[in-house]
N, C-alpha and C. Protein backbone atom coordinates (compact mmCIF):
# COMPACT_ATOMS: atom_id res chain seq x y z
N MET A 1 103.05 31.41 192.95
CA MET A 1 102.37 30.15 193.01
C MET A 1 101.18 29.75 193.67
N PRO A 2 99.96 30.08 193.32
CA PRO A 2 99.23 30.44 194.48
C PRO A 2 98.25 28.82 194.38
N ASN A 3 98.11 28.34 192.90
CA ASN A 3 97.68 27.40 193.05
C ASN A 3 98.73 25.86 193.97
N VAL A 4 99.83 26.08 193.95
CA VAL A 4 100.77 25.52 194.51
C VAL A 4 100.55 25.77 196.21
N ARG A 5 100.38 26.77 196.97
CA ARG A 5 100.30 27.21 197.62
C ARG A 5 98.72 26.73 198.88
N GLN A 6 97.64 26.45 197.23
CA GLN A 6 96.57 26.28 197.77
C GLN A 6 96.61 24.70 198.29
N SER A 7 97.49 23.66 197.46
CA SER A 7 97.39 22.20 197.53
C SER A 7 98.52 22.21 198.60
N LEU A 8 99.26 22.71 199.20
CA LEU A 8 99.94 22.27 200.44
C LEU A 8 99.75 23.27 201.50
N ARG A 9 98.82 23.95 201.86
CA ARG A 9 98.82 24.43 202.53
C ARG A 9 98.44 23.14 204.31
N LEU A 10 98.04 22.50 204.27
CA LEU A 10 97.77 21.42 205.02
C LEU A 10 99.07 20.95 205.34
N LEU A 11 100.36 21.06 204.41
CA LEU A 11 101.61 20.17 204.93
C LEU A 11 102.37 21.02 205.92
N CYS A 12 102.31 22.25 206.33
CA CYS A 12 103.04 23.56 206.92
C CYS A 12 103.29 23.05 207.94
N LEU A 13 102.49 22.93 208.86
CA LEU A 13 102.69 22.20 210.42
C LEU A 13 103.39 20.93 210.45
N ALA A 14 102.79 20.27 209.39
CA ALA A 14 103.45 18.90 209.72
C ALA A 14 105.06 18.46 209.46
N VAL A 15 105.72 19.65 208.40
CA VAL A 15 106.77 19.56 208.10
C VAL A 15 107.75 20.38 208.41
N LEU A 16 107.23 21.64 209.44
CA LEU A 16 108.13 22.37 210.09
C LEU A 16 108.95 21.98 210.83
N LEU A 17 108.89 20.84 211.52
CA LEU A 17 109.77 20.64 212.37
C LEU A 17 110.88 19.65 212.21
N LEU A 18 110.49 19.17 210.85
CA LEU A 18 111.53 18.14 209.94
C LEU A 18 112.39 19.19 209.07
N ALA A 19 112.49 20.41 209.28
CA ALA A 19 113.26 21.36 208.33
C ALA A 19 114.66 21.40 208.65
N ALA A 20 115.08 21.18 209.71
CA ALA A 20 116.36 21.38 209.98
C ALA A 20 117.16 20.15 209.64
N ALA A 21 116.48 18.75 209.54
CA ALA A 21 117.01 17.59 209.19
C ALA A 21 116.91 17.82 208.27
N GLY A 22 116.64 18.75 207.15
CA GLY A 22 116.87 18.21 205.99
C GLY A 22 115.93 17.08 205.14
N CYS A 23 115.28 16.62 205.65
CA CYS A 23 115.09 15.05 205.06
C CYS A 23 114.40 15.34 203.62
N TYR A 24 114.54 14.30 203.71
CA TYR A 24 114.01 13.86 201.73
C TYR A 24 112.99 12.87 201.92
N MET A 25 111.54 12.70 201.06
CA MET A 25 110.70 11.80 200.93
C MET A 25 110.40 11.06 199.73
N PRO A 26 110.98 9.63 199.50
CA PRO A 26 110.81 8.81 198.32
C PRO A 26 110.03 8.42 197.93
N ASP A 27 109.41 8.63 196.32
CA ASP A 27 108.15 8.16 196.30
C ASP A 27 108.58 7.58 194.97
N ARG A 28 107.74 6.81 194.52
CA ARG A 28 107.78 6.05 192.77
C ARG A 28 109.21 5.78 192.64
N PHE A 29 109.53 4.89 193.40
CA PHE A 29 110.73 4.09 193.19
C PHE A 29 111.44 2.71 193.02
N GLN A 30 112.17 2.53 192.76
CA GLN A 30 112.73 1.13 192.31
C GLN A 30 113.92 1.13 193.05
N ALA A 31 114.40 0.42 193.89
CA ALA A 31 115.51 0.35 194.84
C ALA A 31 115.70 -1.00 195.05
N GLY A 32 117.26 -1.10 194.73
CA GLY A 32 117.35 -2.75 194.95
C GLY A 32 119.17 -2.95 195.83
N MET A 33 119.43 -3.68 196.02
CA MET A 33 120.36 -4.17 196.93
C MET A 33 120.76 -5.29 197.06
N GLN A 34 122.51 -5.91 197.16
CA GLN A 34 122.45 -7.02 196.92
C GLN A 34 123.76 -6.92 197.99
N ILE A 35 123.99 -8.12 198.58
CA ILE A 35 124.76 -8.12 199.57
C ILE A 35 125.17 -9.71 199.64
N ARG A 36 126.86 -10.16 199.40
CA ARG A 36 127.25 -11.10 199.28
C ARG A 36 127.63 -11.64 200.55
N ASN A 37 127.65 -13.25 200.75
CA ASN A 37 128.46 -13.78 202.06
C ASN A 37 129.71 -12.89 202.89
N ASP A 38 130.66 -12.09 201.69
CA ASP A 38 131.48 -12.05 202.06
C ASP A 38 131.82 -10.49 202.76
N GLY A 39 130.21 -10.01 202.65
CA GLY A 39 130.02 -8.58 203.03
C GLY A 39 130.18 -7.35 202.34
N ARG A 40 130.35 -8.03 200.96
CA ARG A 40 130.31 -6.86 199.71
C ARG A 40 129.13 -6.38 199.26
N PHE A 41 128.75 -5.05 199.01
CA PHE A 41 127.51 -5.00 198.77
C PHE A 41 127.37 -3.84 197.99
N ALA A 42 125.97 -3.56 197.24
CA ALA A 42 125.76 -2.26 196.26
C ALA A 42 124.03 -2.24 196.52
N PHE A 43 124.31 -1.13 196.29
CA PHE A 43 122.85 -0.32 196.55
C PHE A 43 122.47 0.35 195.20
N SER A 44 121.56 0.64 194.59
CA SER A 44 120.82 1.23 194.01
C SER A 44 119.46 2.03 193.93
N TYR A 45 118.98 3.25 193.85
CA TYR A 45 117.63 3.86 193.91
C TYR A 45 117.72 4.98 192.35
N GLU A 46 116.33 4.44 192.24
CA GLU A 46 115.76 5.31 190.77
C GLU A 46 114.28 5.70 190.88
N GLY A 47 114.18 6.80 191.26
CA GLY A 47 112.80 7.40 191.53
C GLY A 47 112.65 9.00 192.13
N GLN A 48 112.08 9.38 193.18
CA GLN A 48 111.64 10.68 193.08
C GLN A 48 112.17 10.80 194.60
N LEU A 49 112.86 12.25 194.80
CA LEU A 49 112.87 12.55 196.44
C LEU A 49 112.22 13.48 196.35
N THR A 50 111.42 13.74 197.71
CA THR A 50 110.90 15.28 197.68
C THR A 50 112.04 16.18 199.24
N ALA A 51 111.84 17.21 199.03
CA ALA A 51 112.41 18.22 199.64
C ALA A 51 111.72 18.49 200.76
N LEU A 52 111.43 17.99 202.04
CA LEU A 52 110.48 18.51 202.73
C LEU A 52 110.35 20.09 203.28
N TYR A 53 111.63 20.58 203.82
CA TYR A 53 111.55 21.65 203.73
C TYR A 53 111.14 22.74 202.73
N LEU A 54 111.53 22.62 201.70
CA LEU A 54 111.39 23.33 200.57
C LEU A 54 109.57 22.96 200.13
N LEU A 55 109.24 22.01 200.68
CA LEU A 55 107.66 21.82 200.34
C LEU A 55 107.25 22.45 201.36
N GLN A 56 107.51 22.59 202.59
CA GLN A 56 106.81 23.58 203.38
C GLN A 56 107.09 24.75 203.27
N ARG A 57 107.93 25.49 202.41
CA ARG A 57 108.02 26.60 202.57
C ARG A 57 107.09 27.06 201.24
N LEU A 58 106.98 26.27 200.10
CA LEU A 58 106.03 26.11 199.04
C LEU A 58 104.24 26.15 199.64
N GLY A 59 104.11 25.64 200.41
CA GLY A 59 102.73 25.53 201.21
C GLY A 59 102.40 27.00 201.98
N ARG A 60 103.42 27.56 202.55
CA ARG A 60 103.54 29.14 203.52
C ARG A 60 103.70 30.10 202.32
N GLY A 61 103.72 29.69 201.36
CA GLY A 61 103.93 30.65 200.40
C GLY A 61 104.79 31.41 200.00
N ASP A 62 105.89 30.90 200.21
CA ASP A 62 107.29 31.84 200.49
C ASP A 62 107.78 32.62 199.28
N PHE A 63 107.30 31.83 198.28
CA PHE A 63 108.12 32.19 197.11
C PHE A 63 106.50 32.68 195.52
N ASP A 64 105.60 32.91 196.42
CA ASP A 64 104.46 33.26 195.64
C ASP A 64 104.83 34.59 194.82
N ASP A 65 105.58 35.69 195.50
CA ASP A 65 105.80 36.86 194.54
C ASP A 65 107.52 36.97 194.34
N ASP A 66 107.99 35.95 194.26
CA ASP A 66 109.34 35.59 193.92
C ASP A 66 110.01 34.39 193.60
N PRO A 67 109.66 34.14 192.33
CA PRO A 67 109.72 32.95 191.25
C PRO A 67 111.46 32.72 190.94
N GLU A 68 112.00 33.84 191.48
CA GLU A 68 113.71 33.46 191.24
C GLU A 68 114.54 32.77 192.52
N GLU A 69 113.78 33.35 193.45
CA GLU A 69 114.11 32.88 194.79
C GLU A 69 113.69 30.98 194.98
N PHE A 70 112.86 31.04 194.49
CA PHE A 70 112.47 29.43 194.63
C PHE A 70 113.59 28.72 193.71
N ARG A 71 114.02 29.47 192.48
CA ARG A 71 114.43 28.66 191.27
C ARG A 71 116.08 28.39 192.36
N ARG A 72 116.50 29.65 193.19
CA ARG A 72 117.78 29.28 194.12
C ARG A 72 117.70 28.07 194.73
N TYR A 73 116.49 28.17 196.07
CA TYR A 73 116.41 27.17 196.49
C TYR A 73 116.62 25.63 195.82
N VAL A 74 115.97 25.62 194.45
CA VAL A 74 116.02 24.28 194.09
C VAL A 74 117.46 23.94 193.50
N ALA A 75 118.02 24.79 193.11
CA ALA A 75 119.55 24.89 193.05
C ALA A 75 120.27 24.35 194.18
N ILE A 76 119.85 24.56 195.45
CA ILE A 76 120.45 24.72 197.00
C ILE A 76 120.50 22.92 196.94
N TYR A 77 119.23 22.66 196.71
CA TYR A 77 118.90 21.39 197.13
C TYR A 77 119.56 20.36 195.79
N GLU A 78 120.08 21.02 194.82
CA GLU A 78 119.96 19.84 193.79
C GLU A 78 121.73 19.59 194.01
N ARG A 79 122.17 21.24 194.75
CA ARG A 79 123.72 21.07 195.38
C ARG A 79 123.81 20.05 196.38
N ASP A 80 122.79 20.15 197.19
CA ASP A 80 122.71 19.45 198.44
C ASP A 80 122.87 17.76 198.24
N LEU A 81 121.93 17.45 197.17
CA LEU A 81 121.90 15.61 196.93
C LEU A 81 123.63 15.36 196.23
N ARG A 82 123.72 16.28 195.26
CA ARG A 82 124.88 15.89 194.70
C ARG A 82 126.56 15.86 195.47
N ARG A 83 126.28 16.22 197.06
CA ARG A 83 127.41 16.04 197.75
C ARG A 83 127.64 14.61 197.77
N ASP A 84 126.86 14.05 197.88
CA ASP A 84 127.40 12.37 197.36
C ASP A 84 127.28 11.72 196.20
N SER A 85 128.60 11.61 195.86
CA SER A 85 129.02 11.36 194.58
C SER A 85 128.09 10.10 193.88
N GLY A 86 127.41 9.48 194.62
CA GLY A 86 126.43 8.17 194.56
C GLY A 86 125.73 8.78 193.63
N PHE A 87 124.95 9.89 193.49
CA PHE A 87 123.93 10.31 192.72
C PHE A 87 124.40 11.02 191.49
N GLU A 88 124.10 10.24 190.47
CA GLU A 88 124.28 10.01 189.24
C GLU A 88 123.33 11.04 188.28
N GLU A 89 122.34 11.36 188.65
CA GLU A 89 120.98 11.93 188.48
C GLU A 89 120.55 12.57 189.25
N VAL A 90 120.11 14.21 188.94
CA VAL A 90 119.54 14.86 190.15
C VAL A 90 118.78 15.97 189.41
N SER A 91 117.58 16.32 189.23
CA SER A 91 116.85 17.31 188.33
C SER A 91 115.63 17.68 189.17
N HIS A 92 115.53 18.51 188.89
CA HIS A 92 113.93 19.08 189.15
C HIS A 92 112.52 18.44 188.48
N LEU A 93 111.95 18.04 189.36
CA LEU A 93 110.57 17.71 188.50
C LEU A 93 109.61 18.97 188.36
N ARG A 94 109.14 19.00 189.40
CA ARG A 94 107.92 19.72 190.04
C ARG A 94 108.10 20.36 191.67
N GLN A 95 107.43 21.38 192.24
CA GLN A 95 107.27 21.56 193.29
C GLN A 95 108.63 21.41 193.86
N ALA A 96 108.47 20.47 194.77
CA ALA A 96 110.17 20.38 195.78
C ALA A 96 110.48 19.00 195.57
N THR A 97 110.37 18.56 194.45
CA THR A 97 110.34 16.80 194.12
C THR A 97 111.74 16.83 192.89
N PHE A 98 112.50 16.14 193.10
CA PHE A 98 113.48 15.90 192.44
C PHE A 98 113.46 14.64 191.93
N ARG A 99 113.59 14.53 190.18
CA ARG A 99 114.30 12.70 189.52
C ARG A 99 115.63 12.71 189.92
N THR A 100 115.88 11.34 190.78
CA THR A 100 117.19 10.85 191.42
C THR A 100 117.40 9.29 190.64
N ARG A 101 118.60 9.47 190.36
CA ARG A 101 119.39 7.87 189.95
C ARG A 101 120.50 7.55 190.80
N TYR A 102 120.90 6.69 191.98
CA TYR A 102 121.88 6.52 192.62
C TYR A 102 122.34 5.44 192.39
N ALA A 103 123.79 5.49 192.84
CA ALA A 103 124.46 4.00 193.40
C ALA A 103 125.80 3.97 194.36
N HIS A 104 125.90 3.06 194.48
CA HIS A 104 126.80 3.08 195.72
C HIS A 104 127.55 1.32 195.94
N ASN A 105 128.71 1.19 196.04
CA ASN A 105 128.98 -0.02 196.65
C ASN A 105 130.21 -0.12 197.60
N GLY A 106 130.02 -0.97 198.15
CA GLY A 106 131.02 -1.16 199.50
C GLY A 106 131.45 -2.10 200.16
N ASN A 107 131.87 -2.27 201.25
CA ASN A 107 132.01 -3.71 201.93
C ASN A 107 131.68 -3.25 203.47
N LEU A 108 130.88 -4.34 203.95
CA LEU A 108 130.01 -4.00 205.36
C LEU A 108 130.93 -4.73 206.60
N ARG A 109 132.28 -5.10 206.13
CA ARG A 109 133.15 -5.15 206.87
C ARG A 109 134.00 -4.56 207.41
N ARG A 110 133.76 -3.67 206.33
CA ARG A 110 134.86 -2.47 206.26
C ARG A 110 133.98 -1.21 206.30
N ASP A 111 133.13 -1.25 205.76
CA ASP A 111 132.33 0.06 206.00
C ASP A 111 131.51 0.40 207.45
N ARG A 112 131.21 -1.02 207.70
CA ARG A 112 130.11 -0.88 209.18
C ARG A 112 128.72 -0.47 208.92
N THR A 113 128.39 0.53 208.30
CA THR A 113 127.14 1.30 207.82
C THR A 113 126.84 1.76 206.71
N PHE A 114 125.92 2.07 206.45
CA PHE A 114 125.37 2.51 204.92
C PHE A 114 124.01 2.87 204.98
N ASN A 115 123.93 4.21 204.68
CA ASN A 115 122.35 4.71 205.09
C ASN A 115 121.82 6.21 203.79
N PHE A 116 120.62 5.56 203.47
CA PHE A 116 120.11 6.46 202.16
C PHE A 116 118.66 7.39 202.66
N VAL A 117 118.68 8.28 202.01
CA VAL A 117 119.56 9.33 201.84
C VAL A 117 120.89 9.68 202.21
N ARG A 118 120.79 10.16 203.68
CA ARG A 118 122.32 9.95 204.63
C ARG A 118 121.57 9.60 205.72
N PHE A 119 122.28 9.84 206.93
CA PHE A 119 122.13 9.45 208.32
C PHE A 119 121.09 10.05 208.62
N ASN A 120 121.00 11.89 208.59
CA ASN A 120 119.93 12.49 209.38
C ASN A 120 118.61 12.73 208.38
N SER A 121 118.92 11.72 207.57
CA SER A 121 117.34 11.97 206.86
C SER A 121 117.09 10.80 206.09
N ARG A 122 117.70 9.47 206.81
CA ARG A 122 117.36 8.39 205.81
C ARG A 122 115.73 7.51 206.23
N PHE A 123 115.78 6.51 205.17
CA PHE A 123 114.82 5.97 205.23
C PHE A 123 115.01 4.29 205.00
N PHE A 124 116.15 4.25 204.86
CA PHE A 124 116.90 2.90 204.52
C PHE A 124 118.44 2.82 205.34
N GLY A 125 118.38 2.24 205.85
CA GLY A 125 119.99 1.85 206.32
C GLY A 125 120.33 0.43 206.47
N VAL A 126 121.44 0.09 206.75
CA VAL A 126 122.31 -1.03 207.07
C VAL A 126 123.64 -1.07 207.82
N LYS A 127 123.53 -1.81 208.80
CA LYS A 127 124.42 -2.04 209.84
C LYS A 127 125.05 -3.39 210.00
N SER A 128 126.70 -3.08 210.27
CA SER A 128 126.83 -5.02 210.49
C SER A 128 127.60 -4.94 211.62
N PHE A 129 127.78 -6.19 212.23
CA PHE A 129 128.21 -6.06 213.99
C PHE A 129 129.18 -6.99 213.85
N GLU A 130 130.00 -6.72 214.95
CA GLU A 130 131.30 -7.64 215.18
C GLU A 130 131.13 -8.82 214.96
N ASP A 131 129.80 -9.29 215.37
CA ASP A 131 129.58 -11.09 215.30
C ASP A 131 129.24 -11.57 213.70
N GLY A 132 129.23 -10.71 212.81
CA GLY A 132 128.61 -10.60 211.42
C GLY A 132 127.52 -10.81 211.06
N ARG A 133 127.01 -10.65 212.06
CA ARG A 133 125.15 -10.24 211.89
C ARG A 133 124.87 -8.58 210.84
N VAL A 134 124.03 -8.85 210.04
CA VAL A 134 123.92 -7.27 209.17
C VAL A 134 122.31 -7.32 209.39
N GLU A 135 121.96 -6.18 209.89
CA GLU A 135 120.60 -5.63 209.53
C GLU A 135 120.24 -4.34 209.04
N ILE A 136 118.99 -4.97 208.08
CA ILE A 136 118.42 -3.67 207.46
C ILE A 136 117.46 -3.35 207.72
N SER A 137 117.35 -1.81 207.85
CA SER A 137 115.98 -1.43 208.41
C SER A 137 115.60 -0.43 207.73
N GLY A 138 113.73 0.02 207.79
CA GLY A 138 113.57 1.11 207.23
C GLY A 138 113.37 2.17 208.20
N ASP A 139 112.94 3.40 207.56
CA ASP A 139 112.86 4.32 208.90
C ASP A 139 111.71 5.17 208.16
N ARG A 140 110.70 5.78 209.30
CA ARG A 140 109.69 6.87 208.66
C ARG A 140 109.58 8.04 209.69
N LEU A 141 108.45 8.79 208.93
CA LEU A 141 108.37 9.86 209.70
C LEU A 141 107.40 9.79 210.68
N ASN A 142 107.66 10.92 211.89
CA ASN A 142 106.26 10.82 212.82
C ASN A 142 104.80 10.28 212.04
N ARG A 143 104.52 9.67 212.89
CA ARG A 143 102.70 9.42 211.88
C ARG A 143 102.08 10.43 211.91
N ALA A 144 101.97 11.51 212.41
CA ALA A 144 101.30 12.86 212.61
C ALA A 144 101.19 13.59 211.20
N TYR A 145 103.07 13.54 211.07
CA TYR A 145 103.68 13.92 209.90
C TYR A 145 103.03 13.09 208.71
N MET A 146 102.75 11.97 208.61
CA MET A 146 102.76 10.91 207.79
C MET A 146 101.36 11.15 206.98
N ASP A 147 100.22 11.47 208.29
CA ASP A 147 99.05 12.09 208.04
C ASP A 147 98.77 13.00 206.75
N GLU A 148 99.63 13.80 207.69
CA GLU A 148 99.36 15.40 206.98
C GLU A 148 99.95 15.10 205.48
N LEU A 149 101.07 14.48 205.40
CA LEU A 149 101.33 14.52 204.08
C LEU A 149 100.68 13.40 202.94
N ILE A 150 99.96 12.54 203.68
CA ILE A 150 99.46 11.88 202.70
C ILE A 150 97.53 12.87 202.28
N ARG A 151 97.50 13.48 203.74
CA ARG A 151 96.08 14.02 203.21
C ARG A 151 96.24 15.64 202.16
N GLY A 152 97.79 15.47 201.78
CA GLY A 152 98.11 16.76 201.02
C GLY A 152 98.41 16.19 199.97
N GLY A 153 98.33 14.93 199.62
CA GLY A 153 98.77 14.12 198.36
C GLY A 153 100.12 13.73 197.79
N PHE A 154 100.55 13.75 199.10
CA PHE A 154 102.26 13.25 199.09
C PHE A 154 102.06 11.86 199.67
N ASP A 155 102.75 10.92 199.07
CA ASP A 155 102.93 9.30 199.85
C ASP A 155 104.19 9.18 199.41
N THR A 156 104.37 7.66 199.89
CA THR A 156 105.53 6.55 199.24
C THR A 156 105.20 5.72 198.45
N ARG A 157 105.53 5.45 197.56
CA ARG A 157 105.05 4.20 196.51
C ARG A 157 106.31 3.80 195.87
N GLY A 158 106.71 2.38 196.14
CA GLY A 158 108.08 1.84 195.16
C GLY A 158 108.29 0.32 195.24
N VAL A 159 109.42 -0.34 194.81
CA VAL A 159 109.83 -1.43 195.31
C VAL A 159 111.34 -1.79 195.98
N PHE A 160 111.42 -2.45 196.43
CA PHE A 160 112.38 -2.78 197.19
C PHE A 160 113.21 -4.24 197.27
N ARG A 161 114.13 -4.16 196.67
CA ARG A 161 114.70 -5.40 196.37
C ARG A 161 116.02 -5.97 197.04
N LEU A 162 116.06 -6.85 197.61
CA LEU A 162 117.32 -7.42 198.38
C LEU A 162 117.88 -8.93 197.60
N TRP A 163 119.28 -9.30 197.02
CA TRP A 163 119.36 -10.35 196.63
C TRP A 163 120.55 -10.52 197.73
N THR A 164 120.88 -11.93 198.57
CA THR A 164 121.68 -11.90 198.72
C THR A 164 121.72 -13.81 198.92
N ASP A 165 123.12 -14.04 199.61
CA ASP A 165 123.43 -15.22 199.65
C ASP A 165 123.89 -15.64 201.06
N ALA A 166 123.93 -15.15 201.42
CA ALA A 166 123.91 -14.95 203.46
C ALA A 166 122.52 -15.77 203.93
N LYS A 167 123.27 -15.87 205.16
CA LYS A 167 122.32 -16.51 205.90
C LYS A 167 121.13 -15.53 206.31
N VAL A 168 119.72 -16.04 205.83
CA VAL A 168 118.94 -14.83 206.55
C VAL A 168 118.37 -15.37 207.81
N LEU A 169 118.31 -14.40 208.66
CA LEU A 169 117.85 -15.26 210.32
C LEU A 169 116.38 -14.70 210.21
N GLU A 170 116.24 -13.31 210.06
CA GLU A 170 115.16 -13.08 210.13
C GLU A 170 114.76 -11.92 208.57
N HIS A 171 113.19 -11.53 208.47
CA HIS A 171 112.75 -11.06 207.52
C HIS A 171 111.09 -10.95 207.85
N ASN A 172 110.63 -9.53 206.91
CA ASN A 172 109.49 -9.71 207.01
C ASN A 172 109.10 -9.11 204.78
N ALA A 173 109.84 -9.86 204.22
CA ALA A 173 109.76 -9.47 203.04
C ALA A 173 108.34 -9.65 202.52
N ASP A 174 107.52 -9.60 201.20
CA ASP A 174 106.24 -9.81 200.95
C ASP A 174 106.77 -11.13 200.23
N ALA A 175 107.83 -11.16 198.98
CA ALA A 175 107.74 -12.50 198.61
C ALA A 175 109.34 -12.68 198.57
N VAL A 176 109.71 -14.37 198.58
CA VAL A 176 110.44 -14.72 198.69
C VAL A 176 110.79 -15.74 197.35
N GLU A 177 112.07 -15.07 196.80
CA GLU A 177 112.51 -16.08 195.06
C GLU A 177 113.96 -17.04 195.32
N GLY A 178 113.69 -18.24 194.43
CA GLY A 178 115.19 -18.18 194.20
C GLY A 178 115.72 -19.53 195.18
N THR A 179 116.83 -19.78 194.64
CA THR A 179 118.21 -20.68 195.61
C THR A 179 119.48 -20.19 195.49
N GLY A 180 120.55 -20.06 196.50
CA GLY A 180 121.90 -19.53 196.34
C GLY A 180 121.65 -17.95 196.47
N LEU A 181 121.64 -17.28 195.40
CA LEU A 181 121.09 -15.84 195.37
C LEU A 181 119.81 -15.41 195.66
N VAL A 182 119.68 -15.78 196.67
CA VAL A 182 117.74 -15.41 196.85
C VAL A 182 117.61 -13.60 196.87
N MET A 183 116.22 -13.75 196.24
CA MET A 183 115.69 -12.34 196.28
C MET A 183 114.41 -11.89 197.22
N TYR A 184 114.69 -11.23 198.05
CA TYR A 184 113.30 -10.59 198.90
C TYR A 184 113.03 -9.46 198.55
N THR A 185 111.57 -9.45 198.27
CA THR A 185 110.93 -8.37 197.61
C THR A 185 109.58 -7.65 198.61
N TRP A 186 109.69 -6.49 198.45
CA TRP A 186 108.88 -5.12 199.29
C TRP A 186 108.26 -4.41 198.20
N ASN A 187 106.83 -4.40 198.30
CA ASN A 187 106.24 -3.72 197.59
C ASN A 187 105.22 -2.63 198.66
N ILE A 188 105.69 -1.71 198.02
CA ILE A 188 105.80 -0.68 198.95
C ILE A 188 104.59 0.44 198.29
N GLN A 189 102.76 0.31 199.25
CA GLN A 189 102.23 1.19 198.63
C GLN A 189 102.02 2.37 199.42
N THR A 190 102.20 2.84 200.49
CA THR A 190 102.34 3.95 201.32
C THR A 190 102.98 3.99 202.33
N MET A 191 103.15 5.06 202.38
CA MET A 191 104.30 5.36 203.84
C MET A 191 104.08 4.30 205.24
N ARG A 192 102.67 4.59 204.97
CA ARG A 192 102.30 3.72 206.77
C ARG A 192 102.31 2.14 206.36
N ASP A 193 102.64 1.54 205.08
CA ASP A 193 103.24 0.12 205.16
C ASP A 193 104.35 -0.29 206.01
N LYS A 194 104.52 -1.46 206.38
CA LYS A 194 105.10 -2.00 207.25
C LYS A 194 107.01 -1.43 206.20
N LEU A 195 107.44 -1.57 207.56
CA LEU A 195 109.42 -1.19 207.17
C LEU A 195 110.22 -2.56 206.96
N PRO A 196 110.47 -2.23 205.48
CA PRO A 196 111.45 -3.74 205.26
C PRO A 196 112.38 -3.78 206.38
N ARG A 197 112.42 -5.07 206.72
CA ARG A 197 113.59 -5.56 207.67
C ARG A 197 114.02 -6.93 207.71
N VAL A 198 115.28 -7.01 207.67
CA VAL A 198 116.17 -8.10 207.55
C VAL A 198 117.41 -8.22 208.46
N VAL A 199 117.34 -9.30 209.08
CA VAL A 199 118.77 -9.76 209.77
C VAL A 199 119.24 -10.68 209.16
N MET A 200 120.77 -10.96 209.01
CA MET A 200 121.23 -12.25 208.04
C MET A 200 122.67 -12.31 209.02
N ALA A 201 123.58 -13.16 208.73
CA ALA A 201 124.68 -13.78 209.13
C ALA A 201 125.82 -13.98 207.69
N LEU A 202 126.72 -12.88 207.68
CA LEU A 202 127.80 -13.24 206.73
C LEU A 202 128.85 -14.23 207.11
N ARG A 203 129.37 -14.88 206.34
CA ARG A 203 130.06 -16.17 206.58
C ARG A 203 131.43 -15.67 207.72
């Protein structure tokens, strides 16, 4: 895969330290979450996830002479994602990128936390506290890693929407619409954009 190696060579150092964590980078996604005042929640994601360790190995040229080994690694990452039963679709799209569809629901009074993709490779998380507060926050890569990925042609774009009838104490949404069940929207054009953040109080 010489063309792949040429386009990804700059990413090797940027992604190398992320390898052990099994990080995934989101892109071209539509994500939504509904949190009700009683703690019930539902989350959905449809879009791409790029396996950064596999991306690093492609950039290093590890599979140039062994396409069968590359296909084996693709299958490993598909299985890794499917360990979470919330993934309704996982299919290899190109290079280290997978097309995915995900849905999960629960109750924050019982579950306390929710992270997507998972805790050690999260870019989105929710945490509830004993006093009834709930905090939604995004997570991002180190700036040096972000810069290298963007220079290599990889970035994060998508839309995240939150619907809630809980009392919102703080937020940094781009737009707010409705009454009762209010919708908060973040339009993400690059991984350098502000991270979504909301603090609310459950009933």
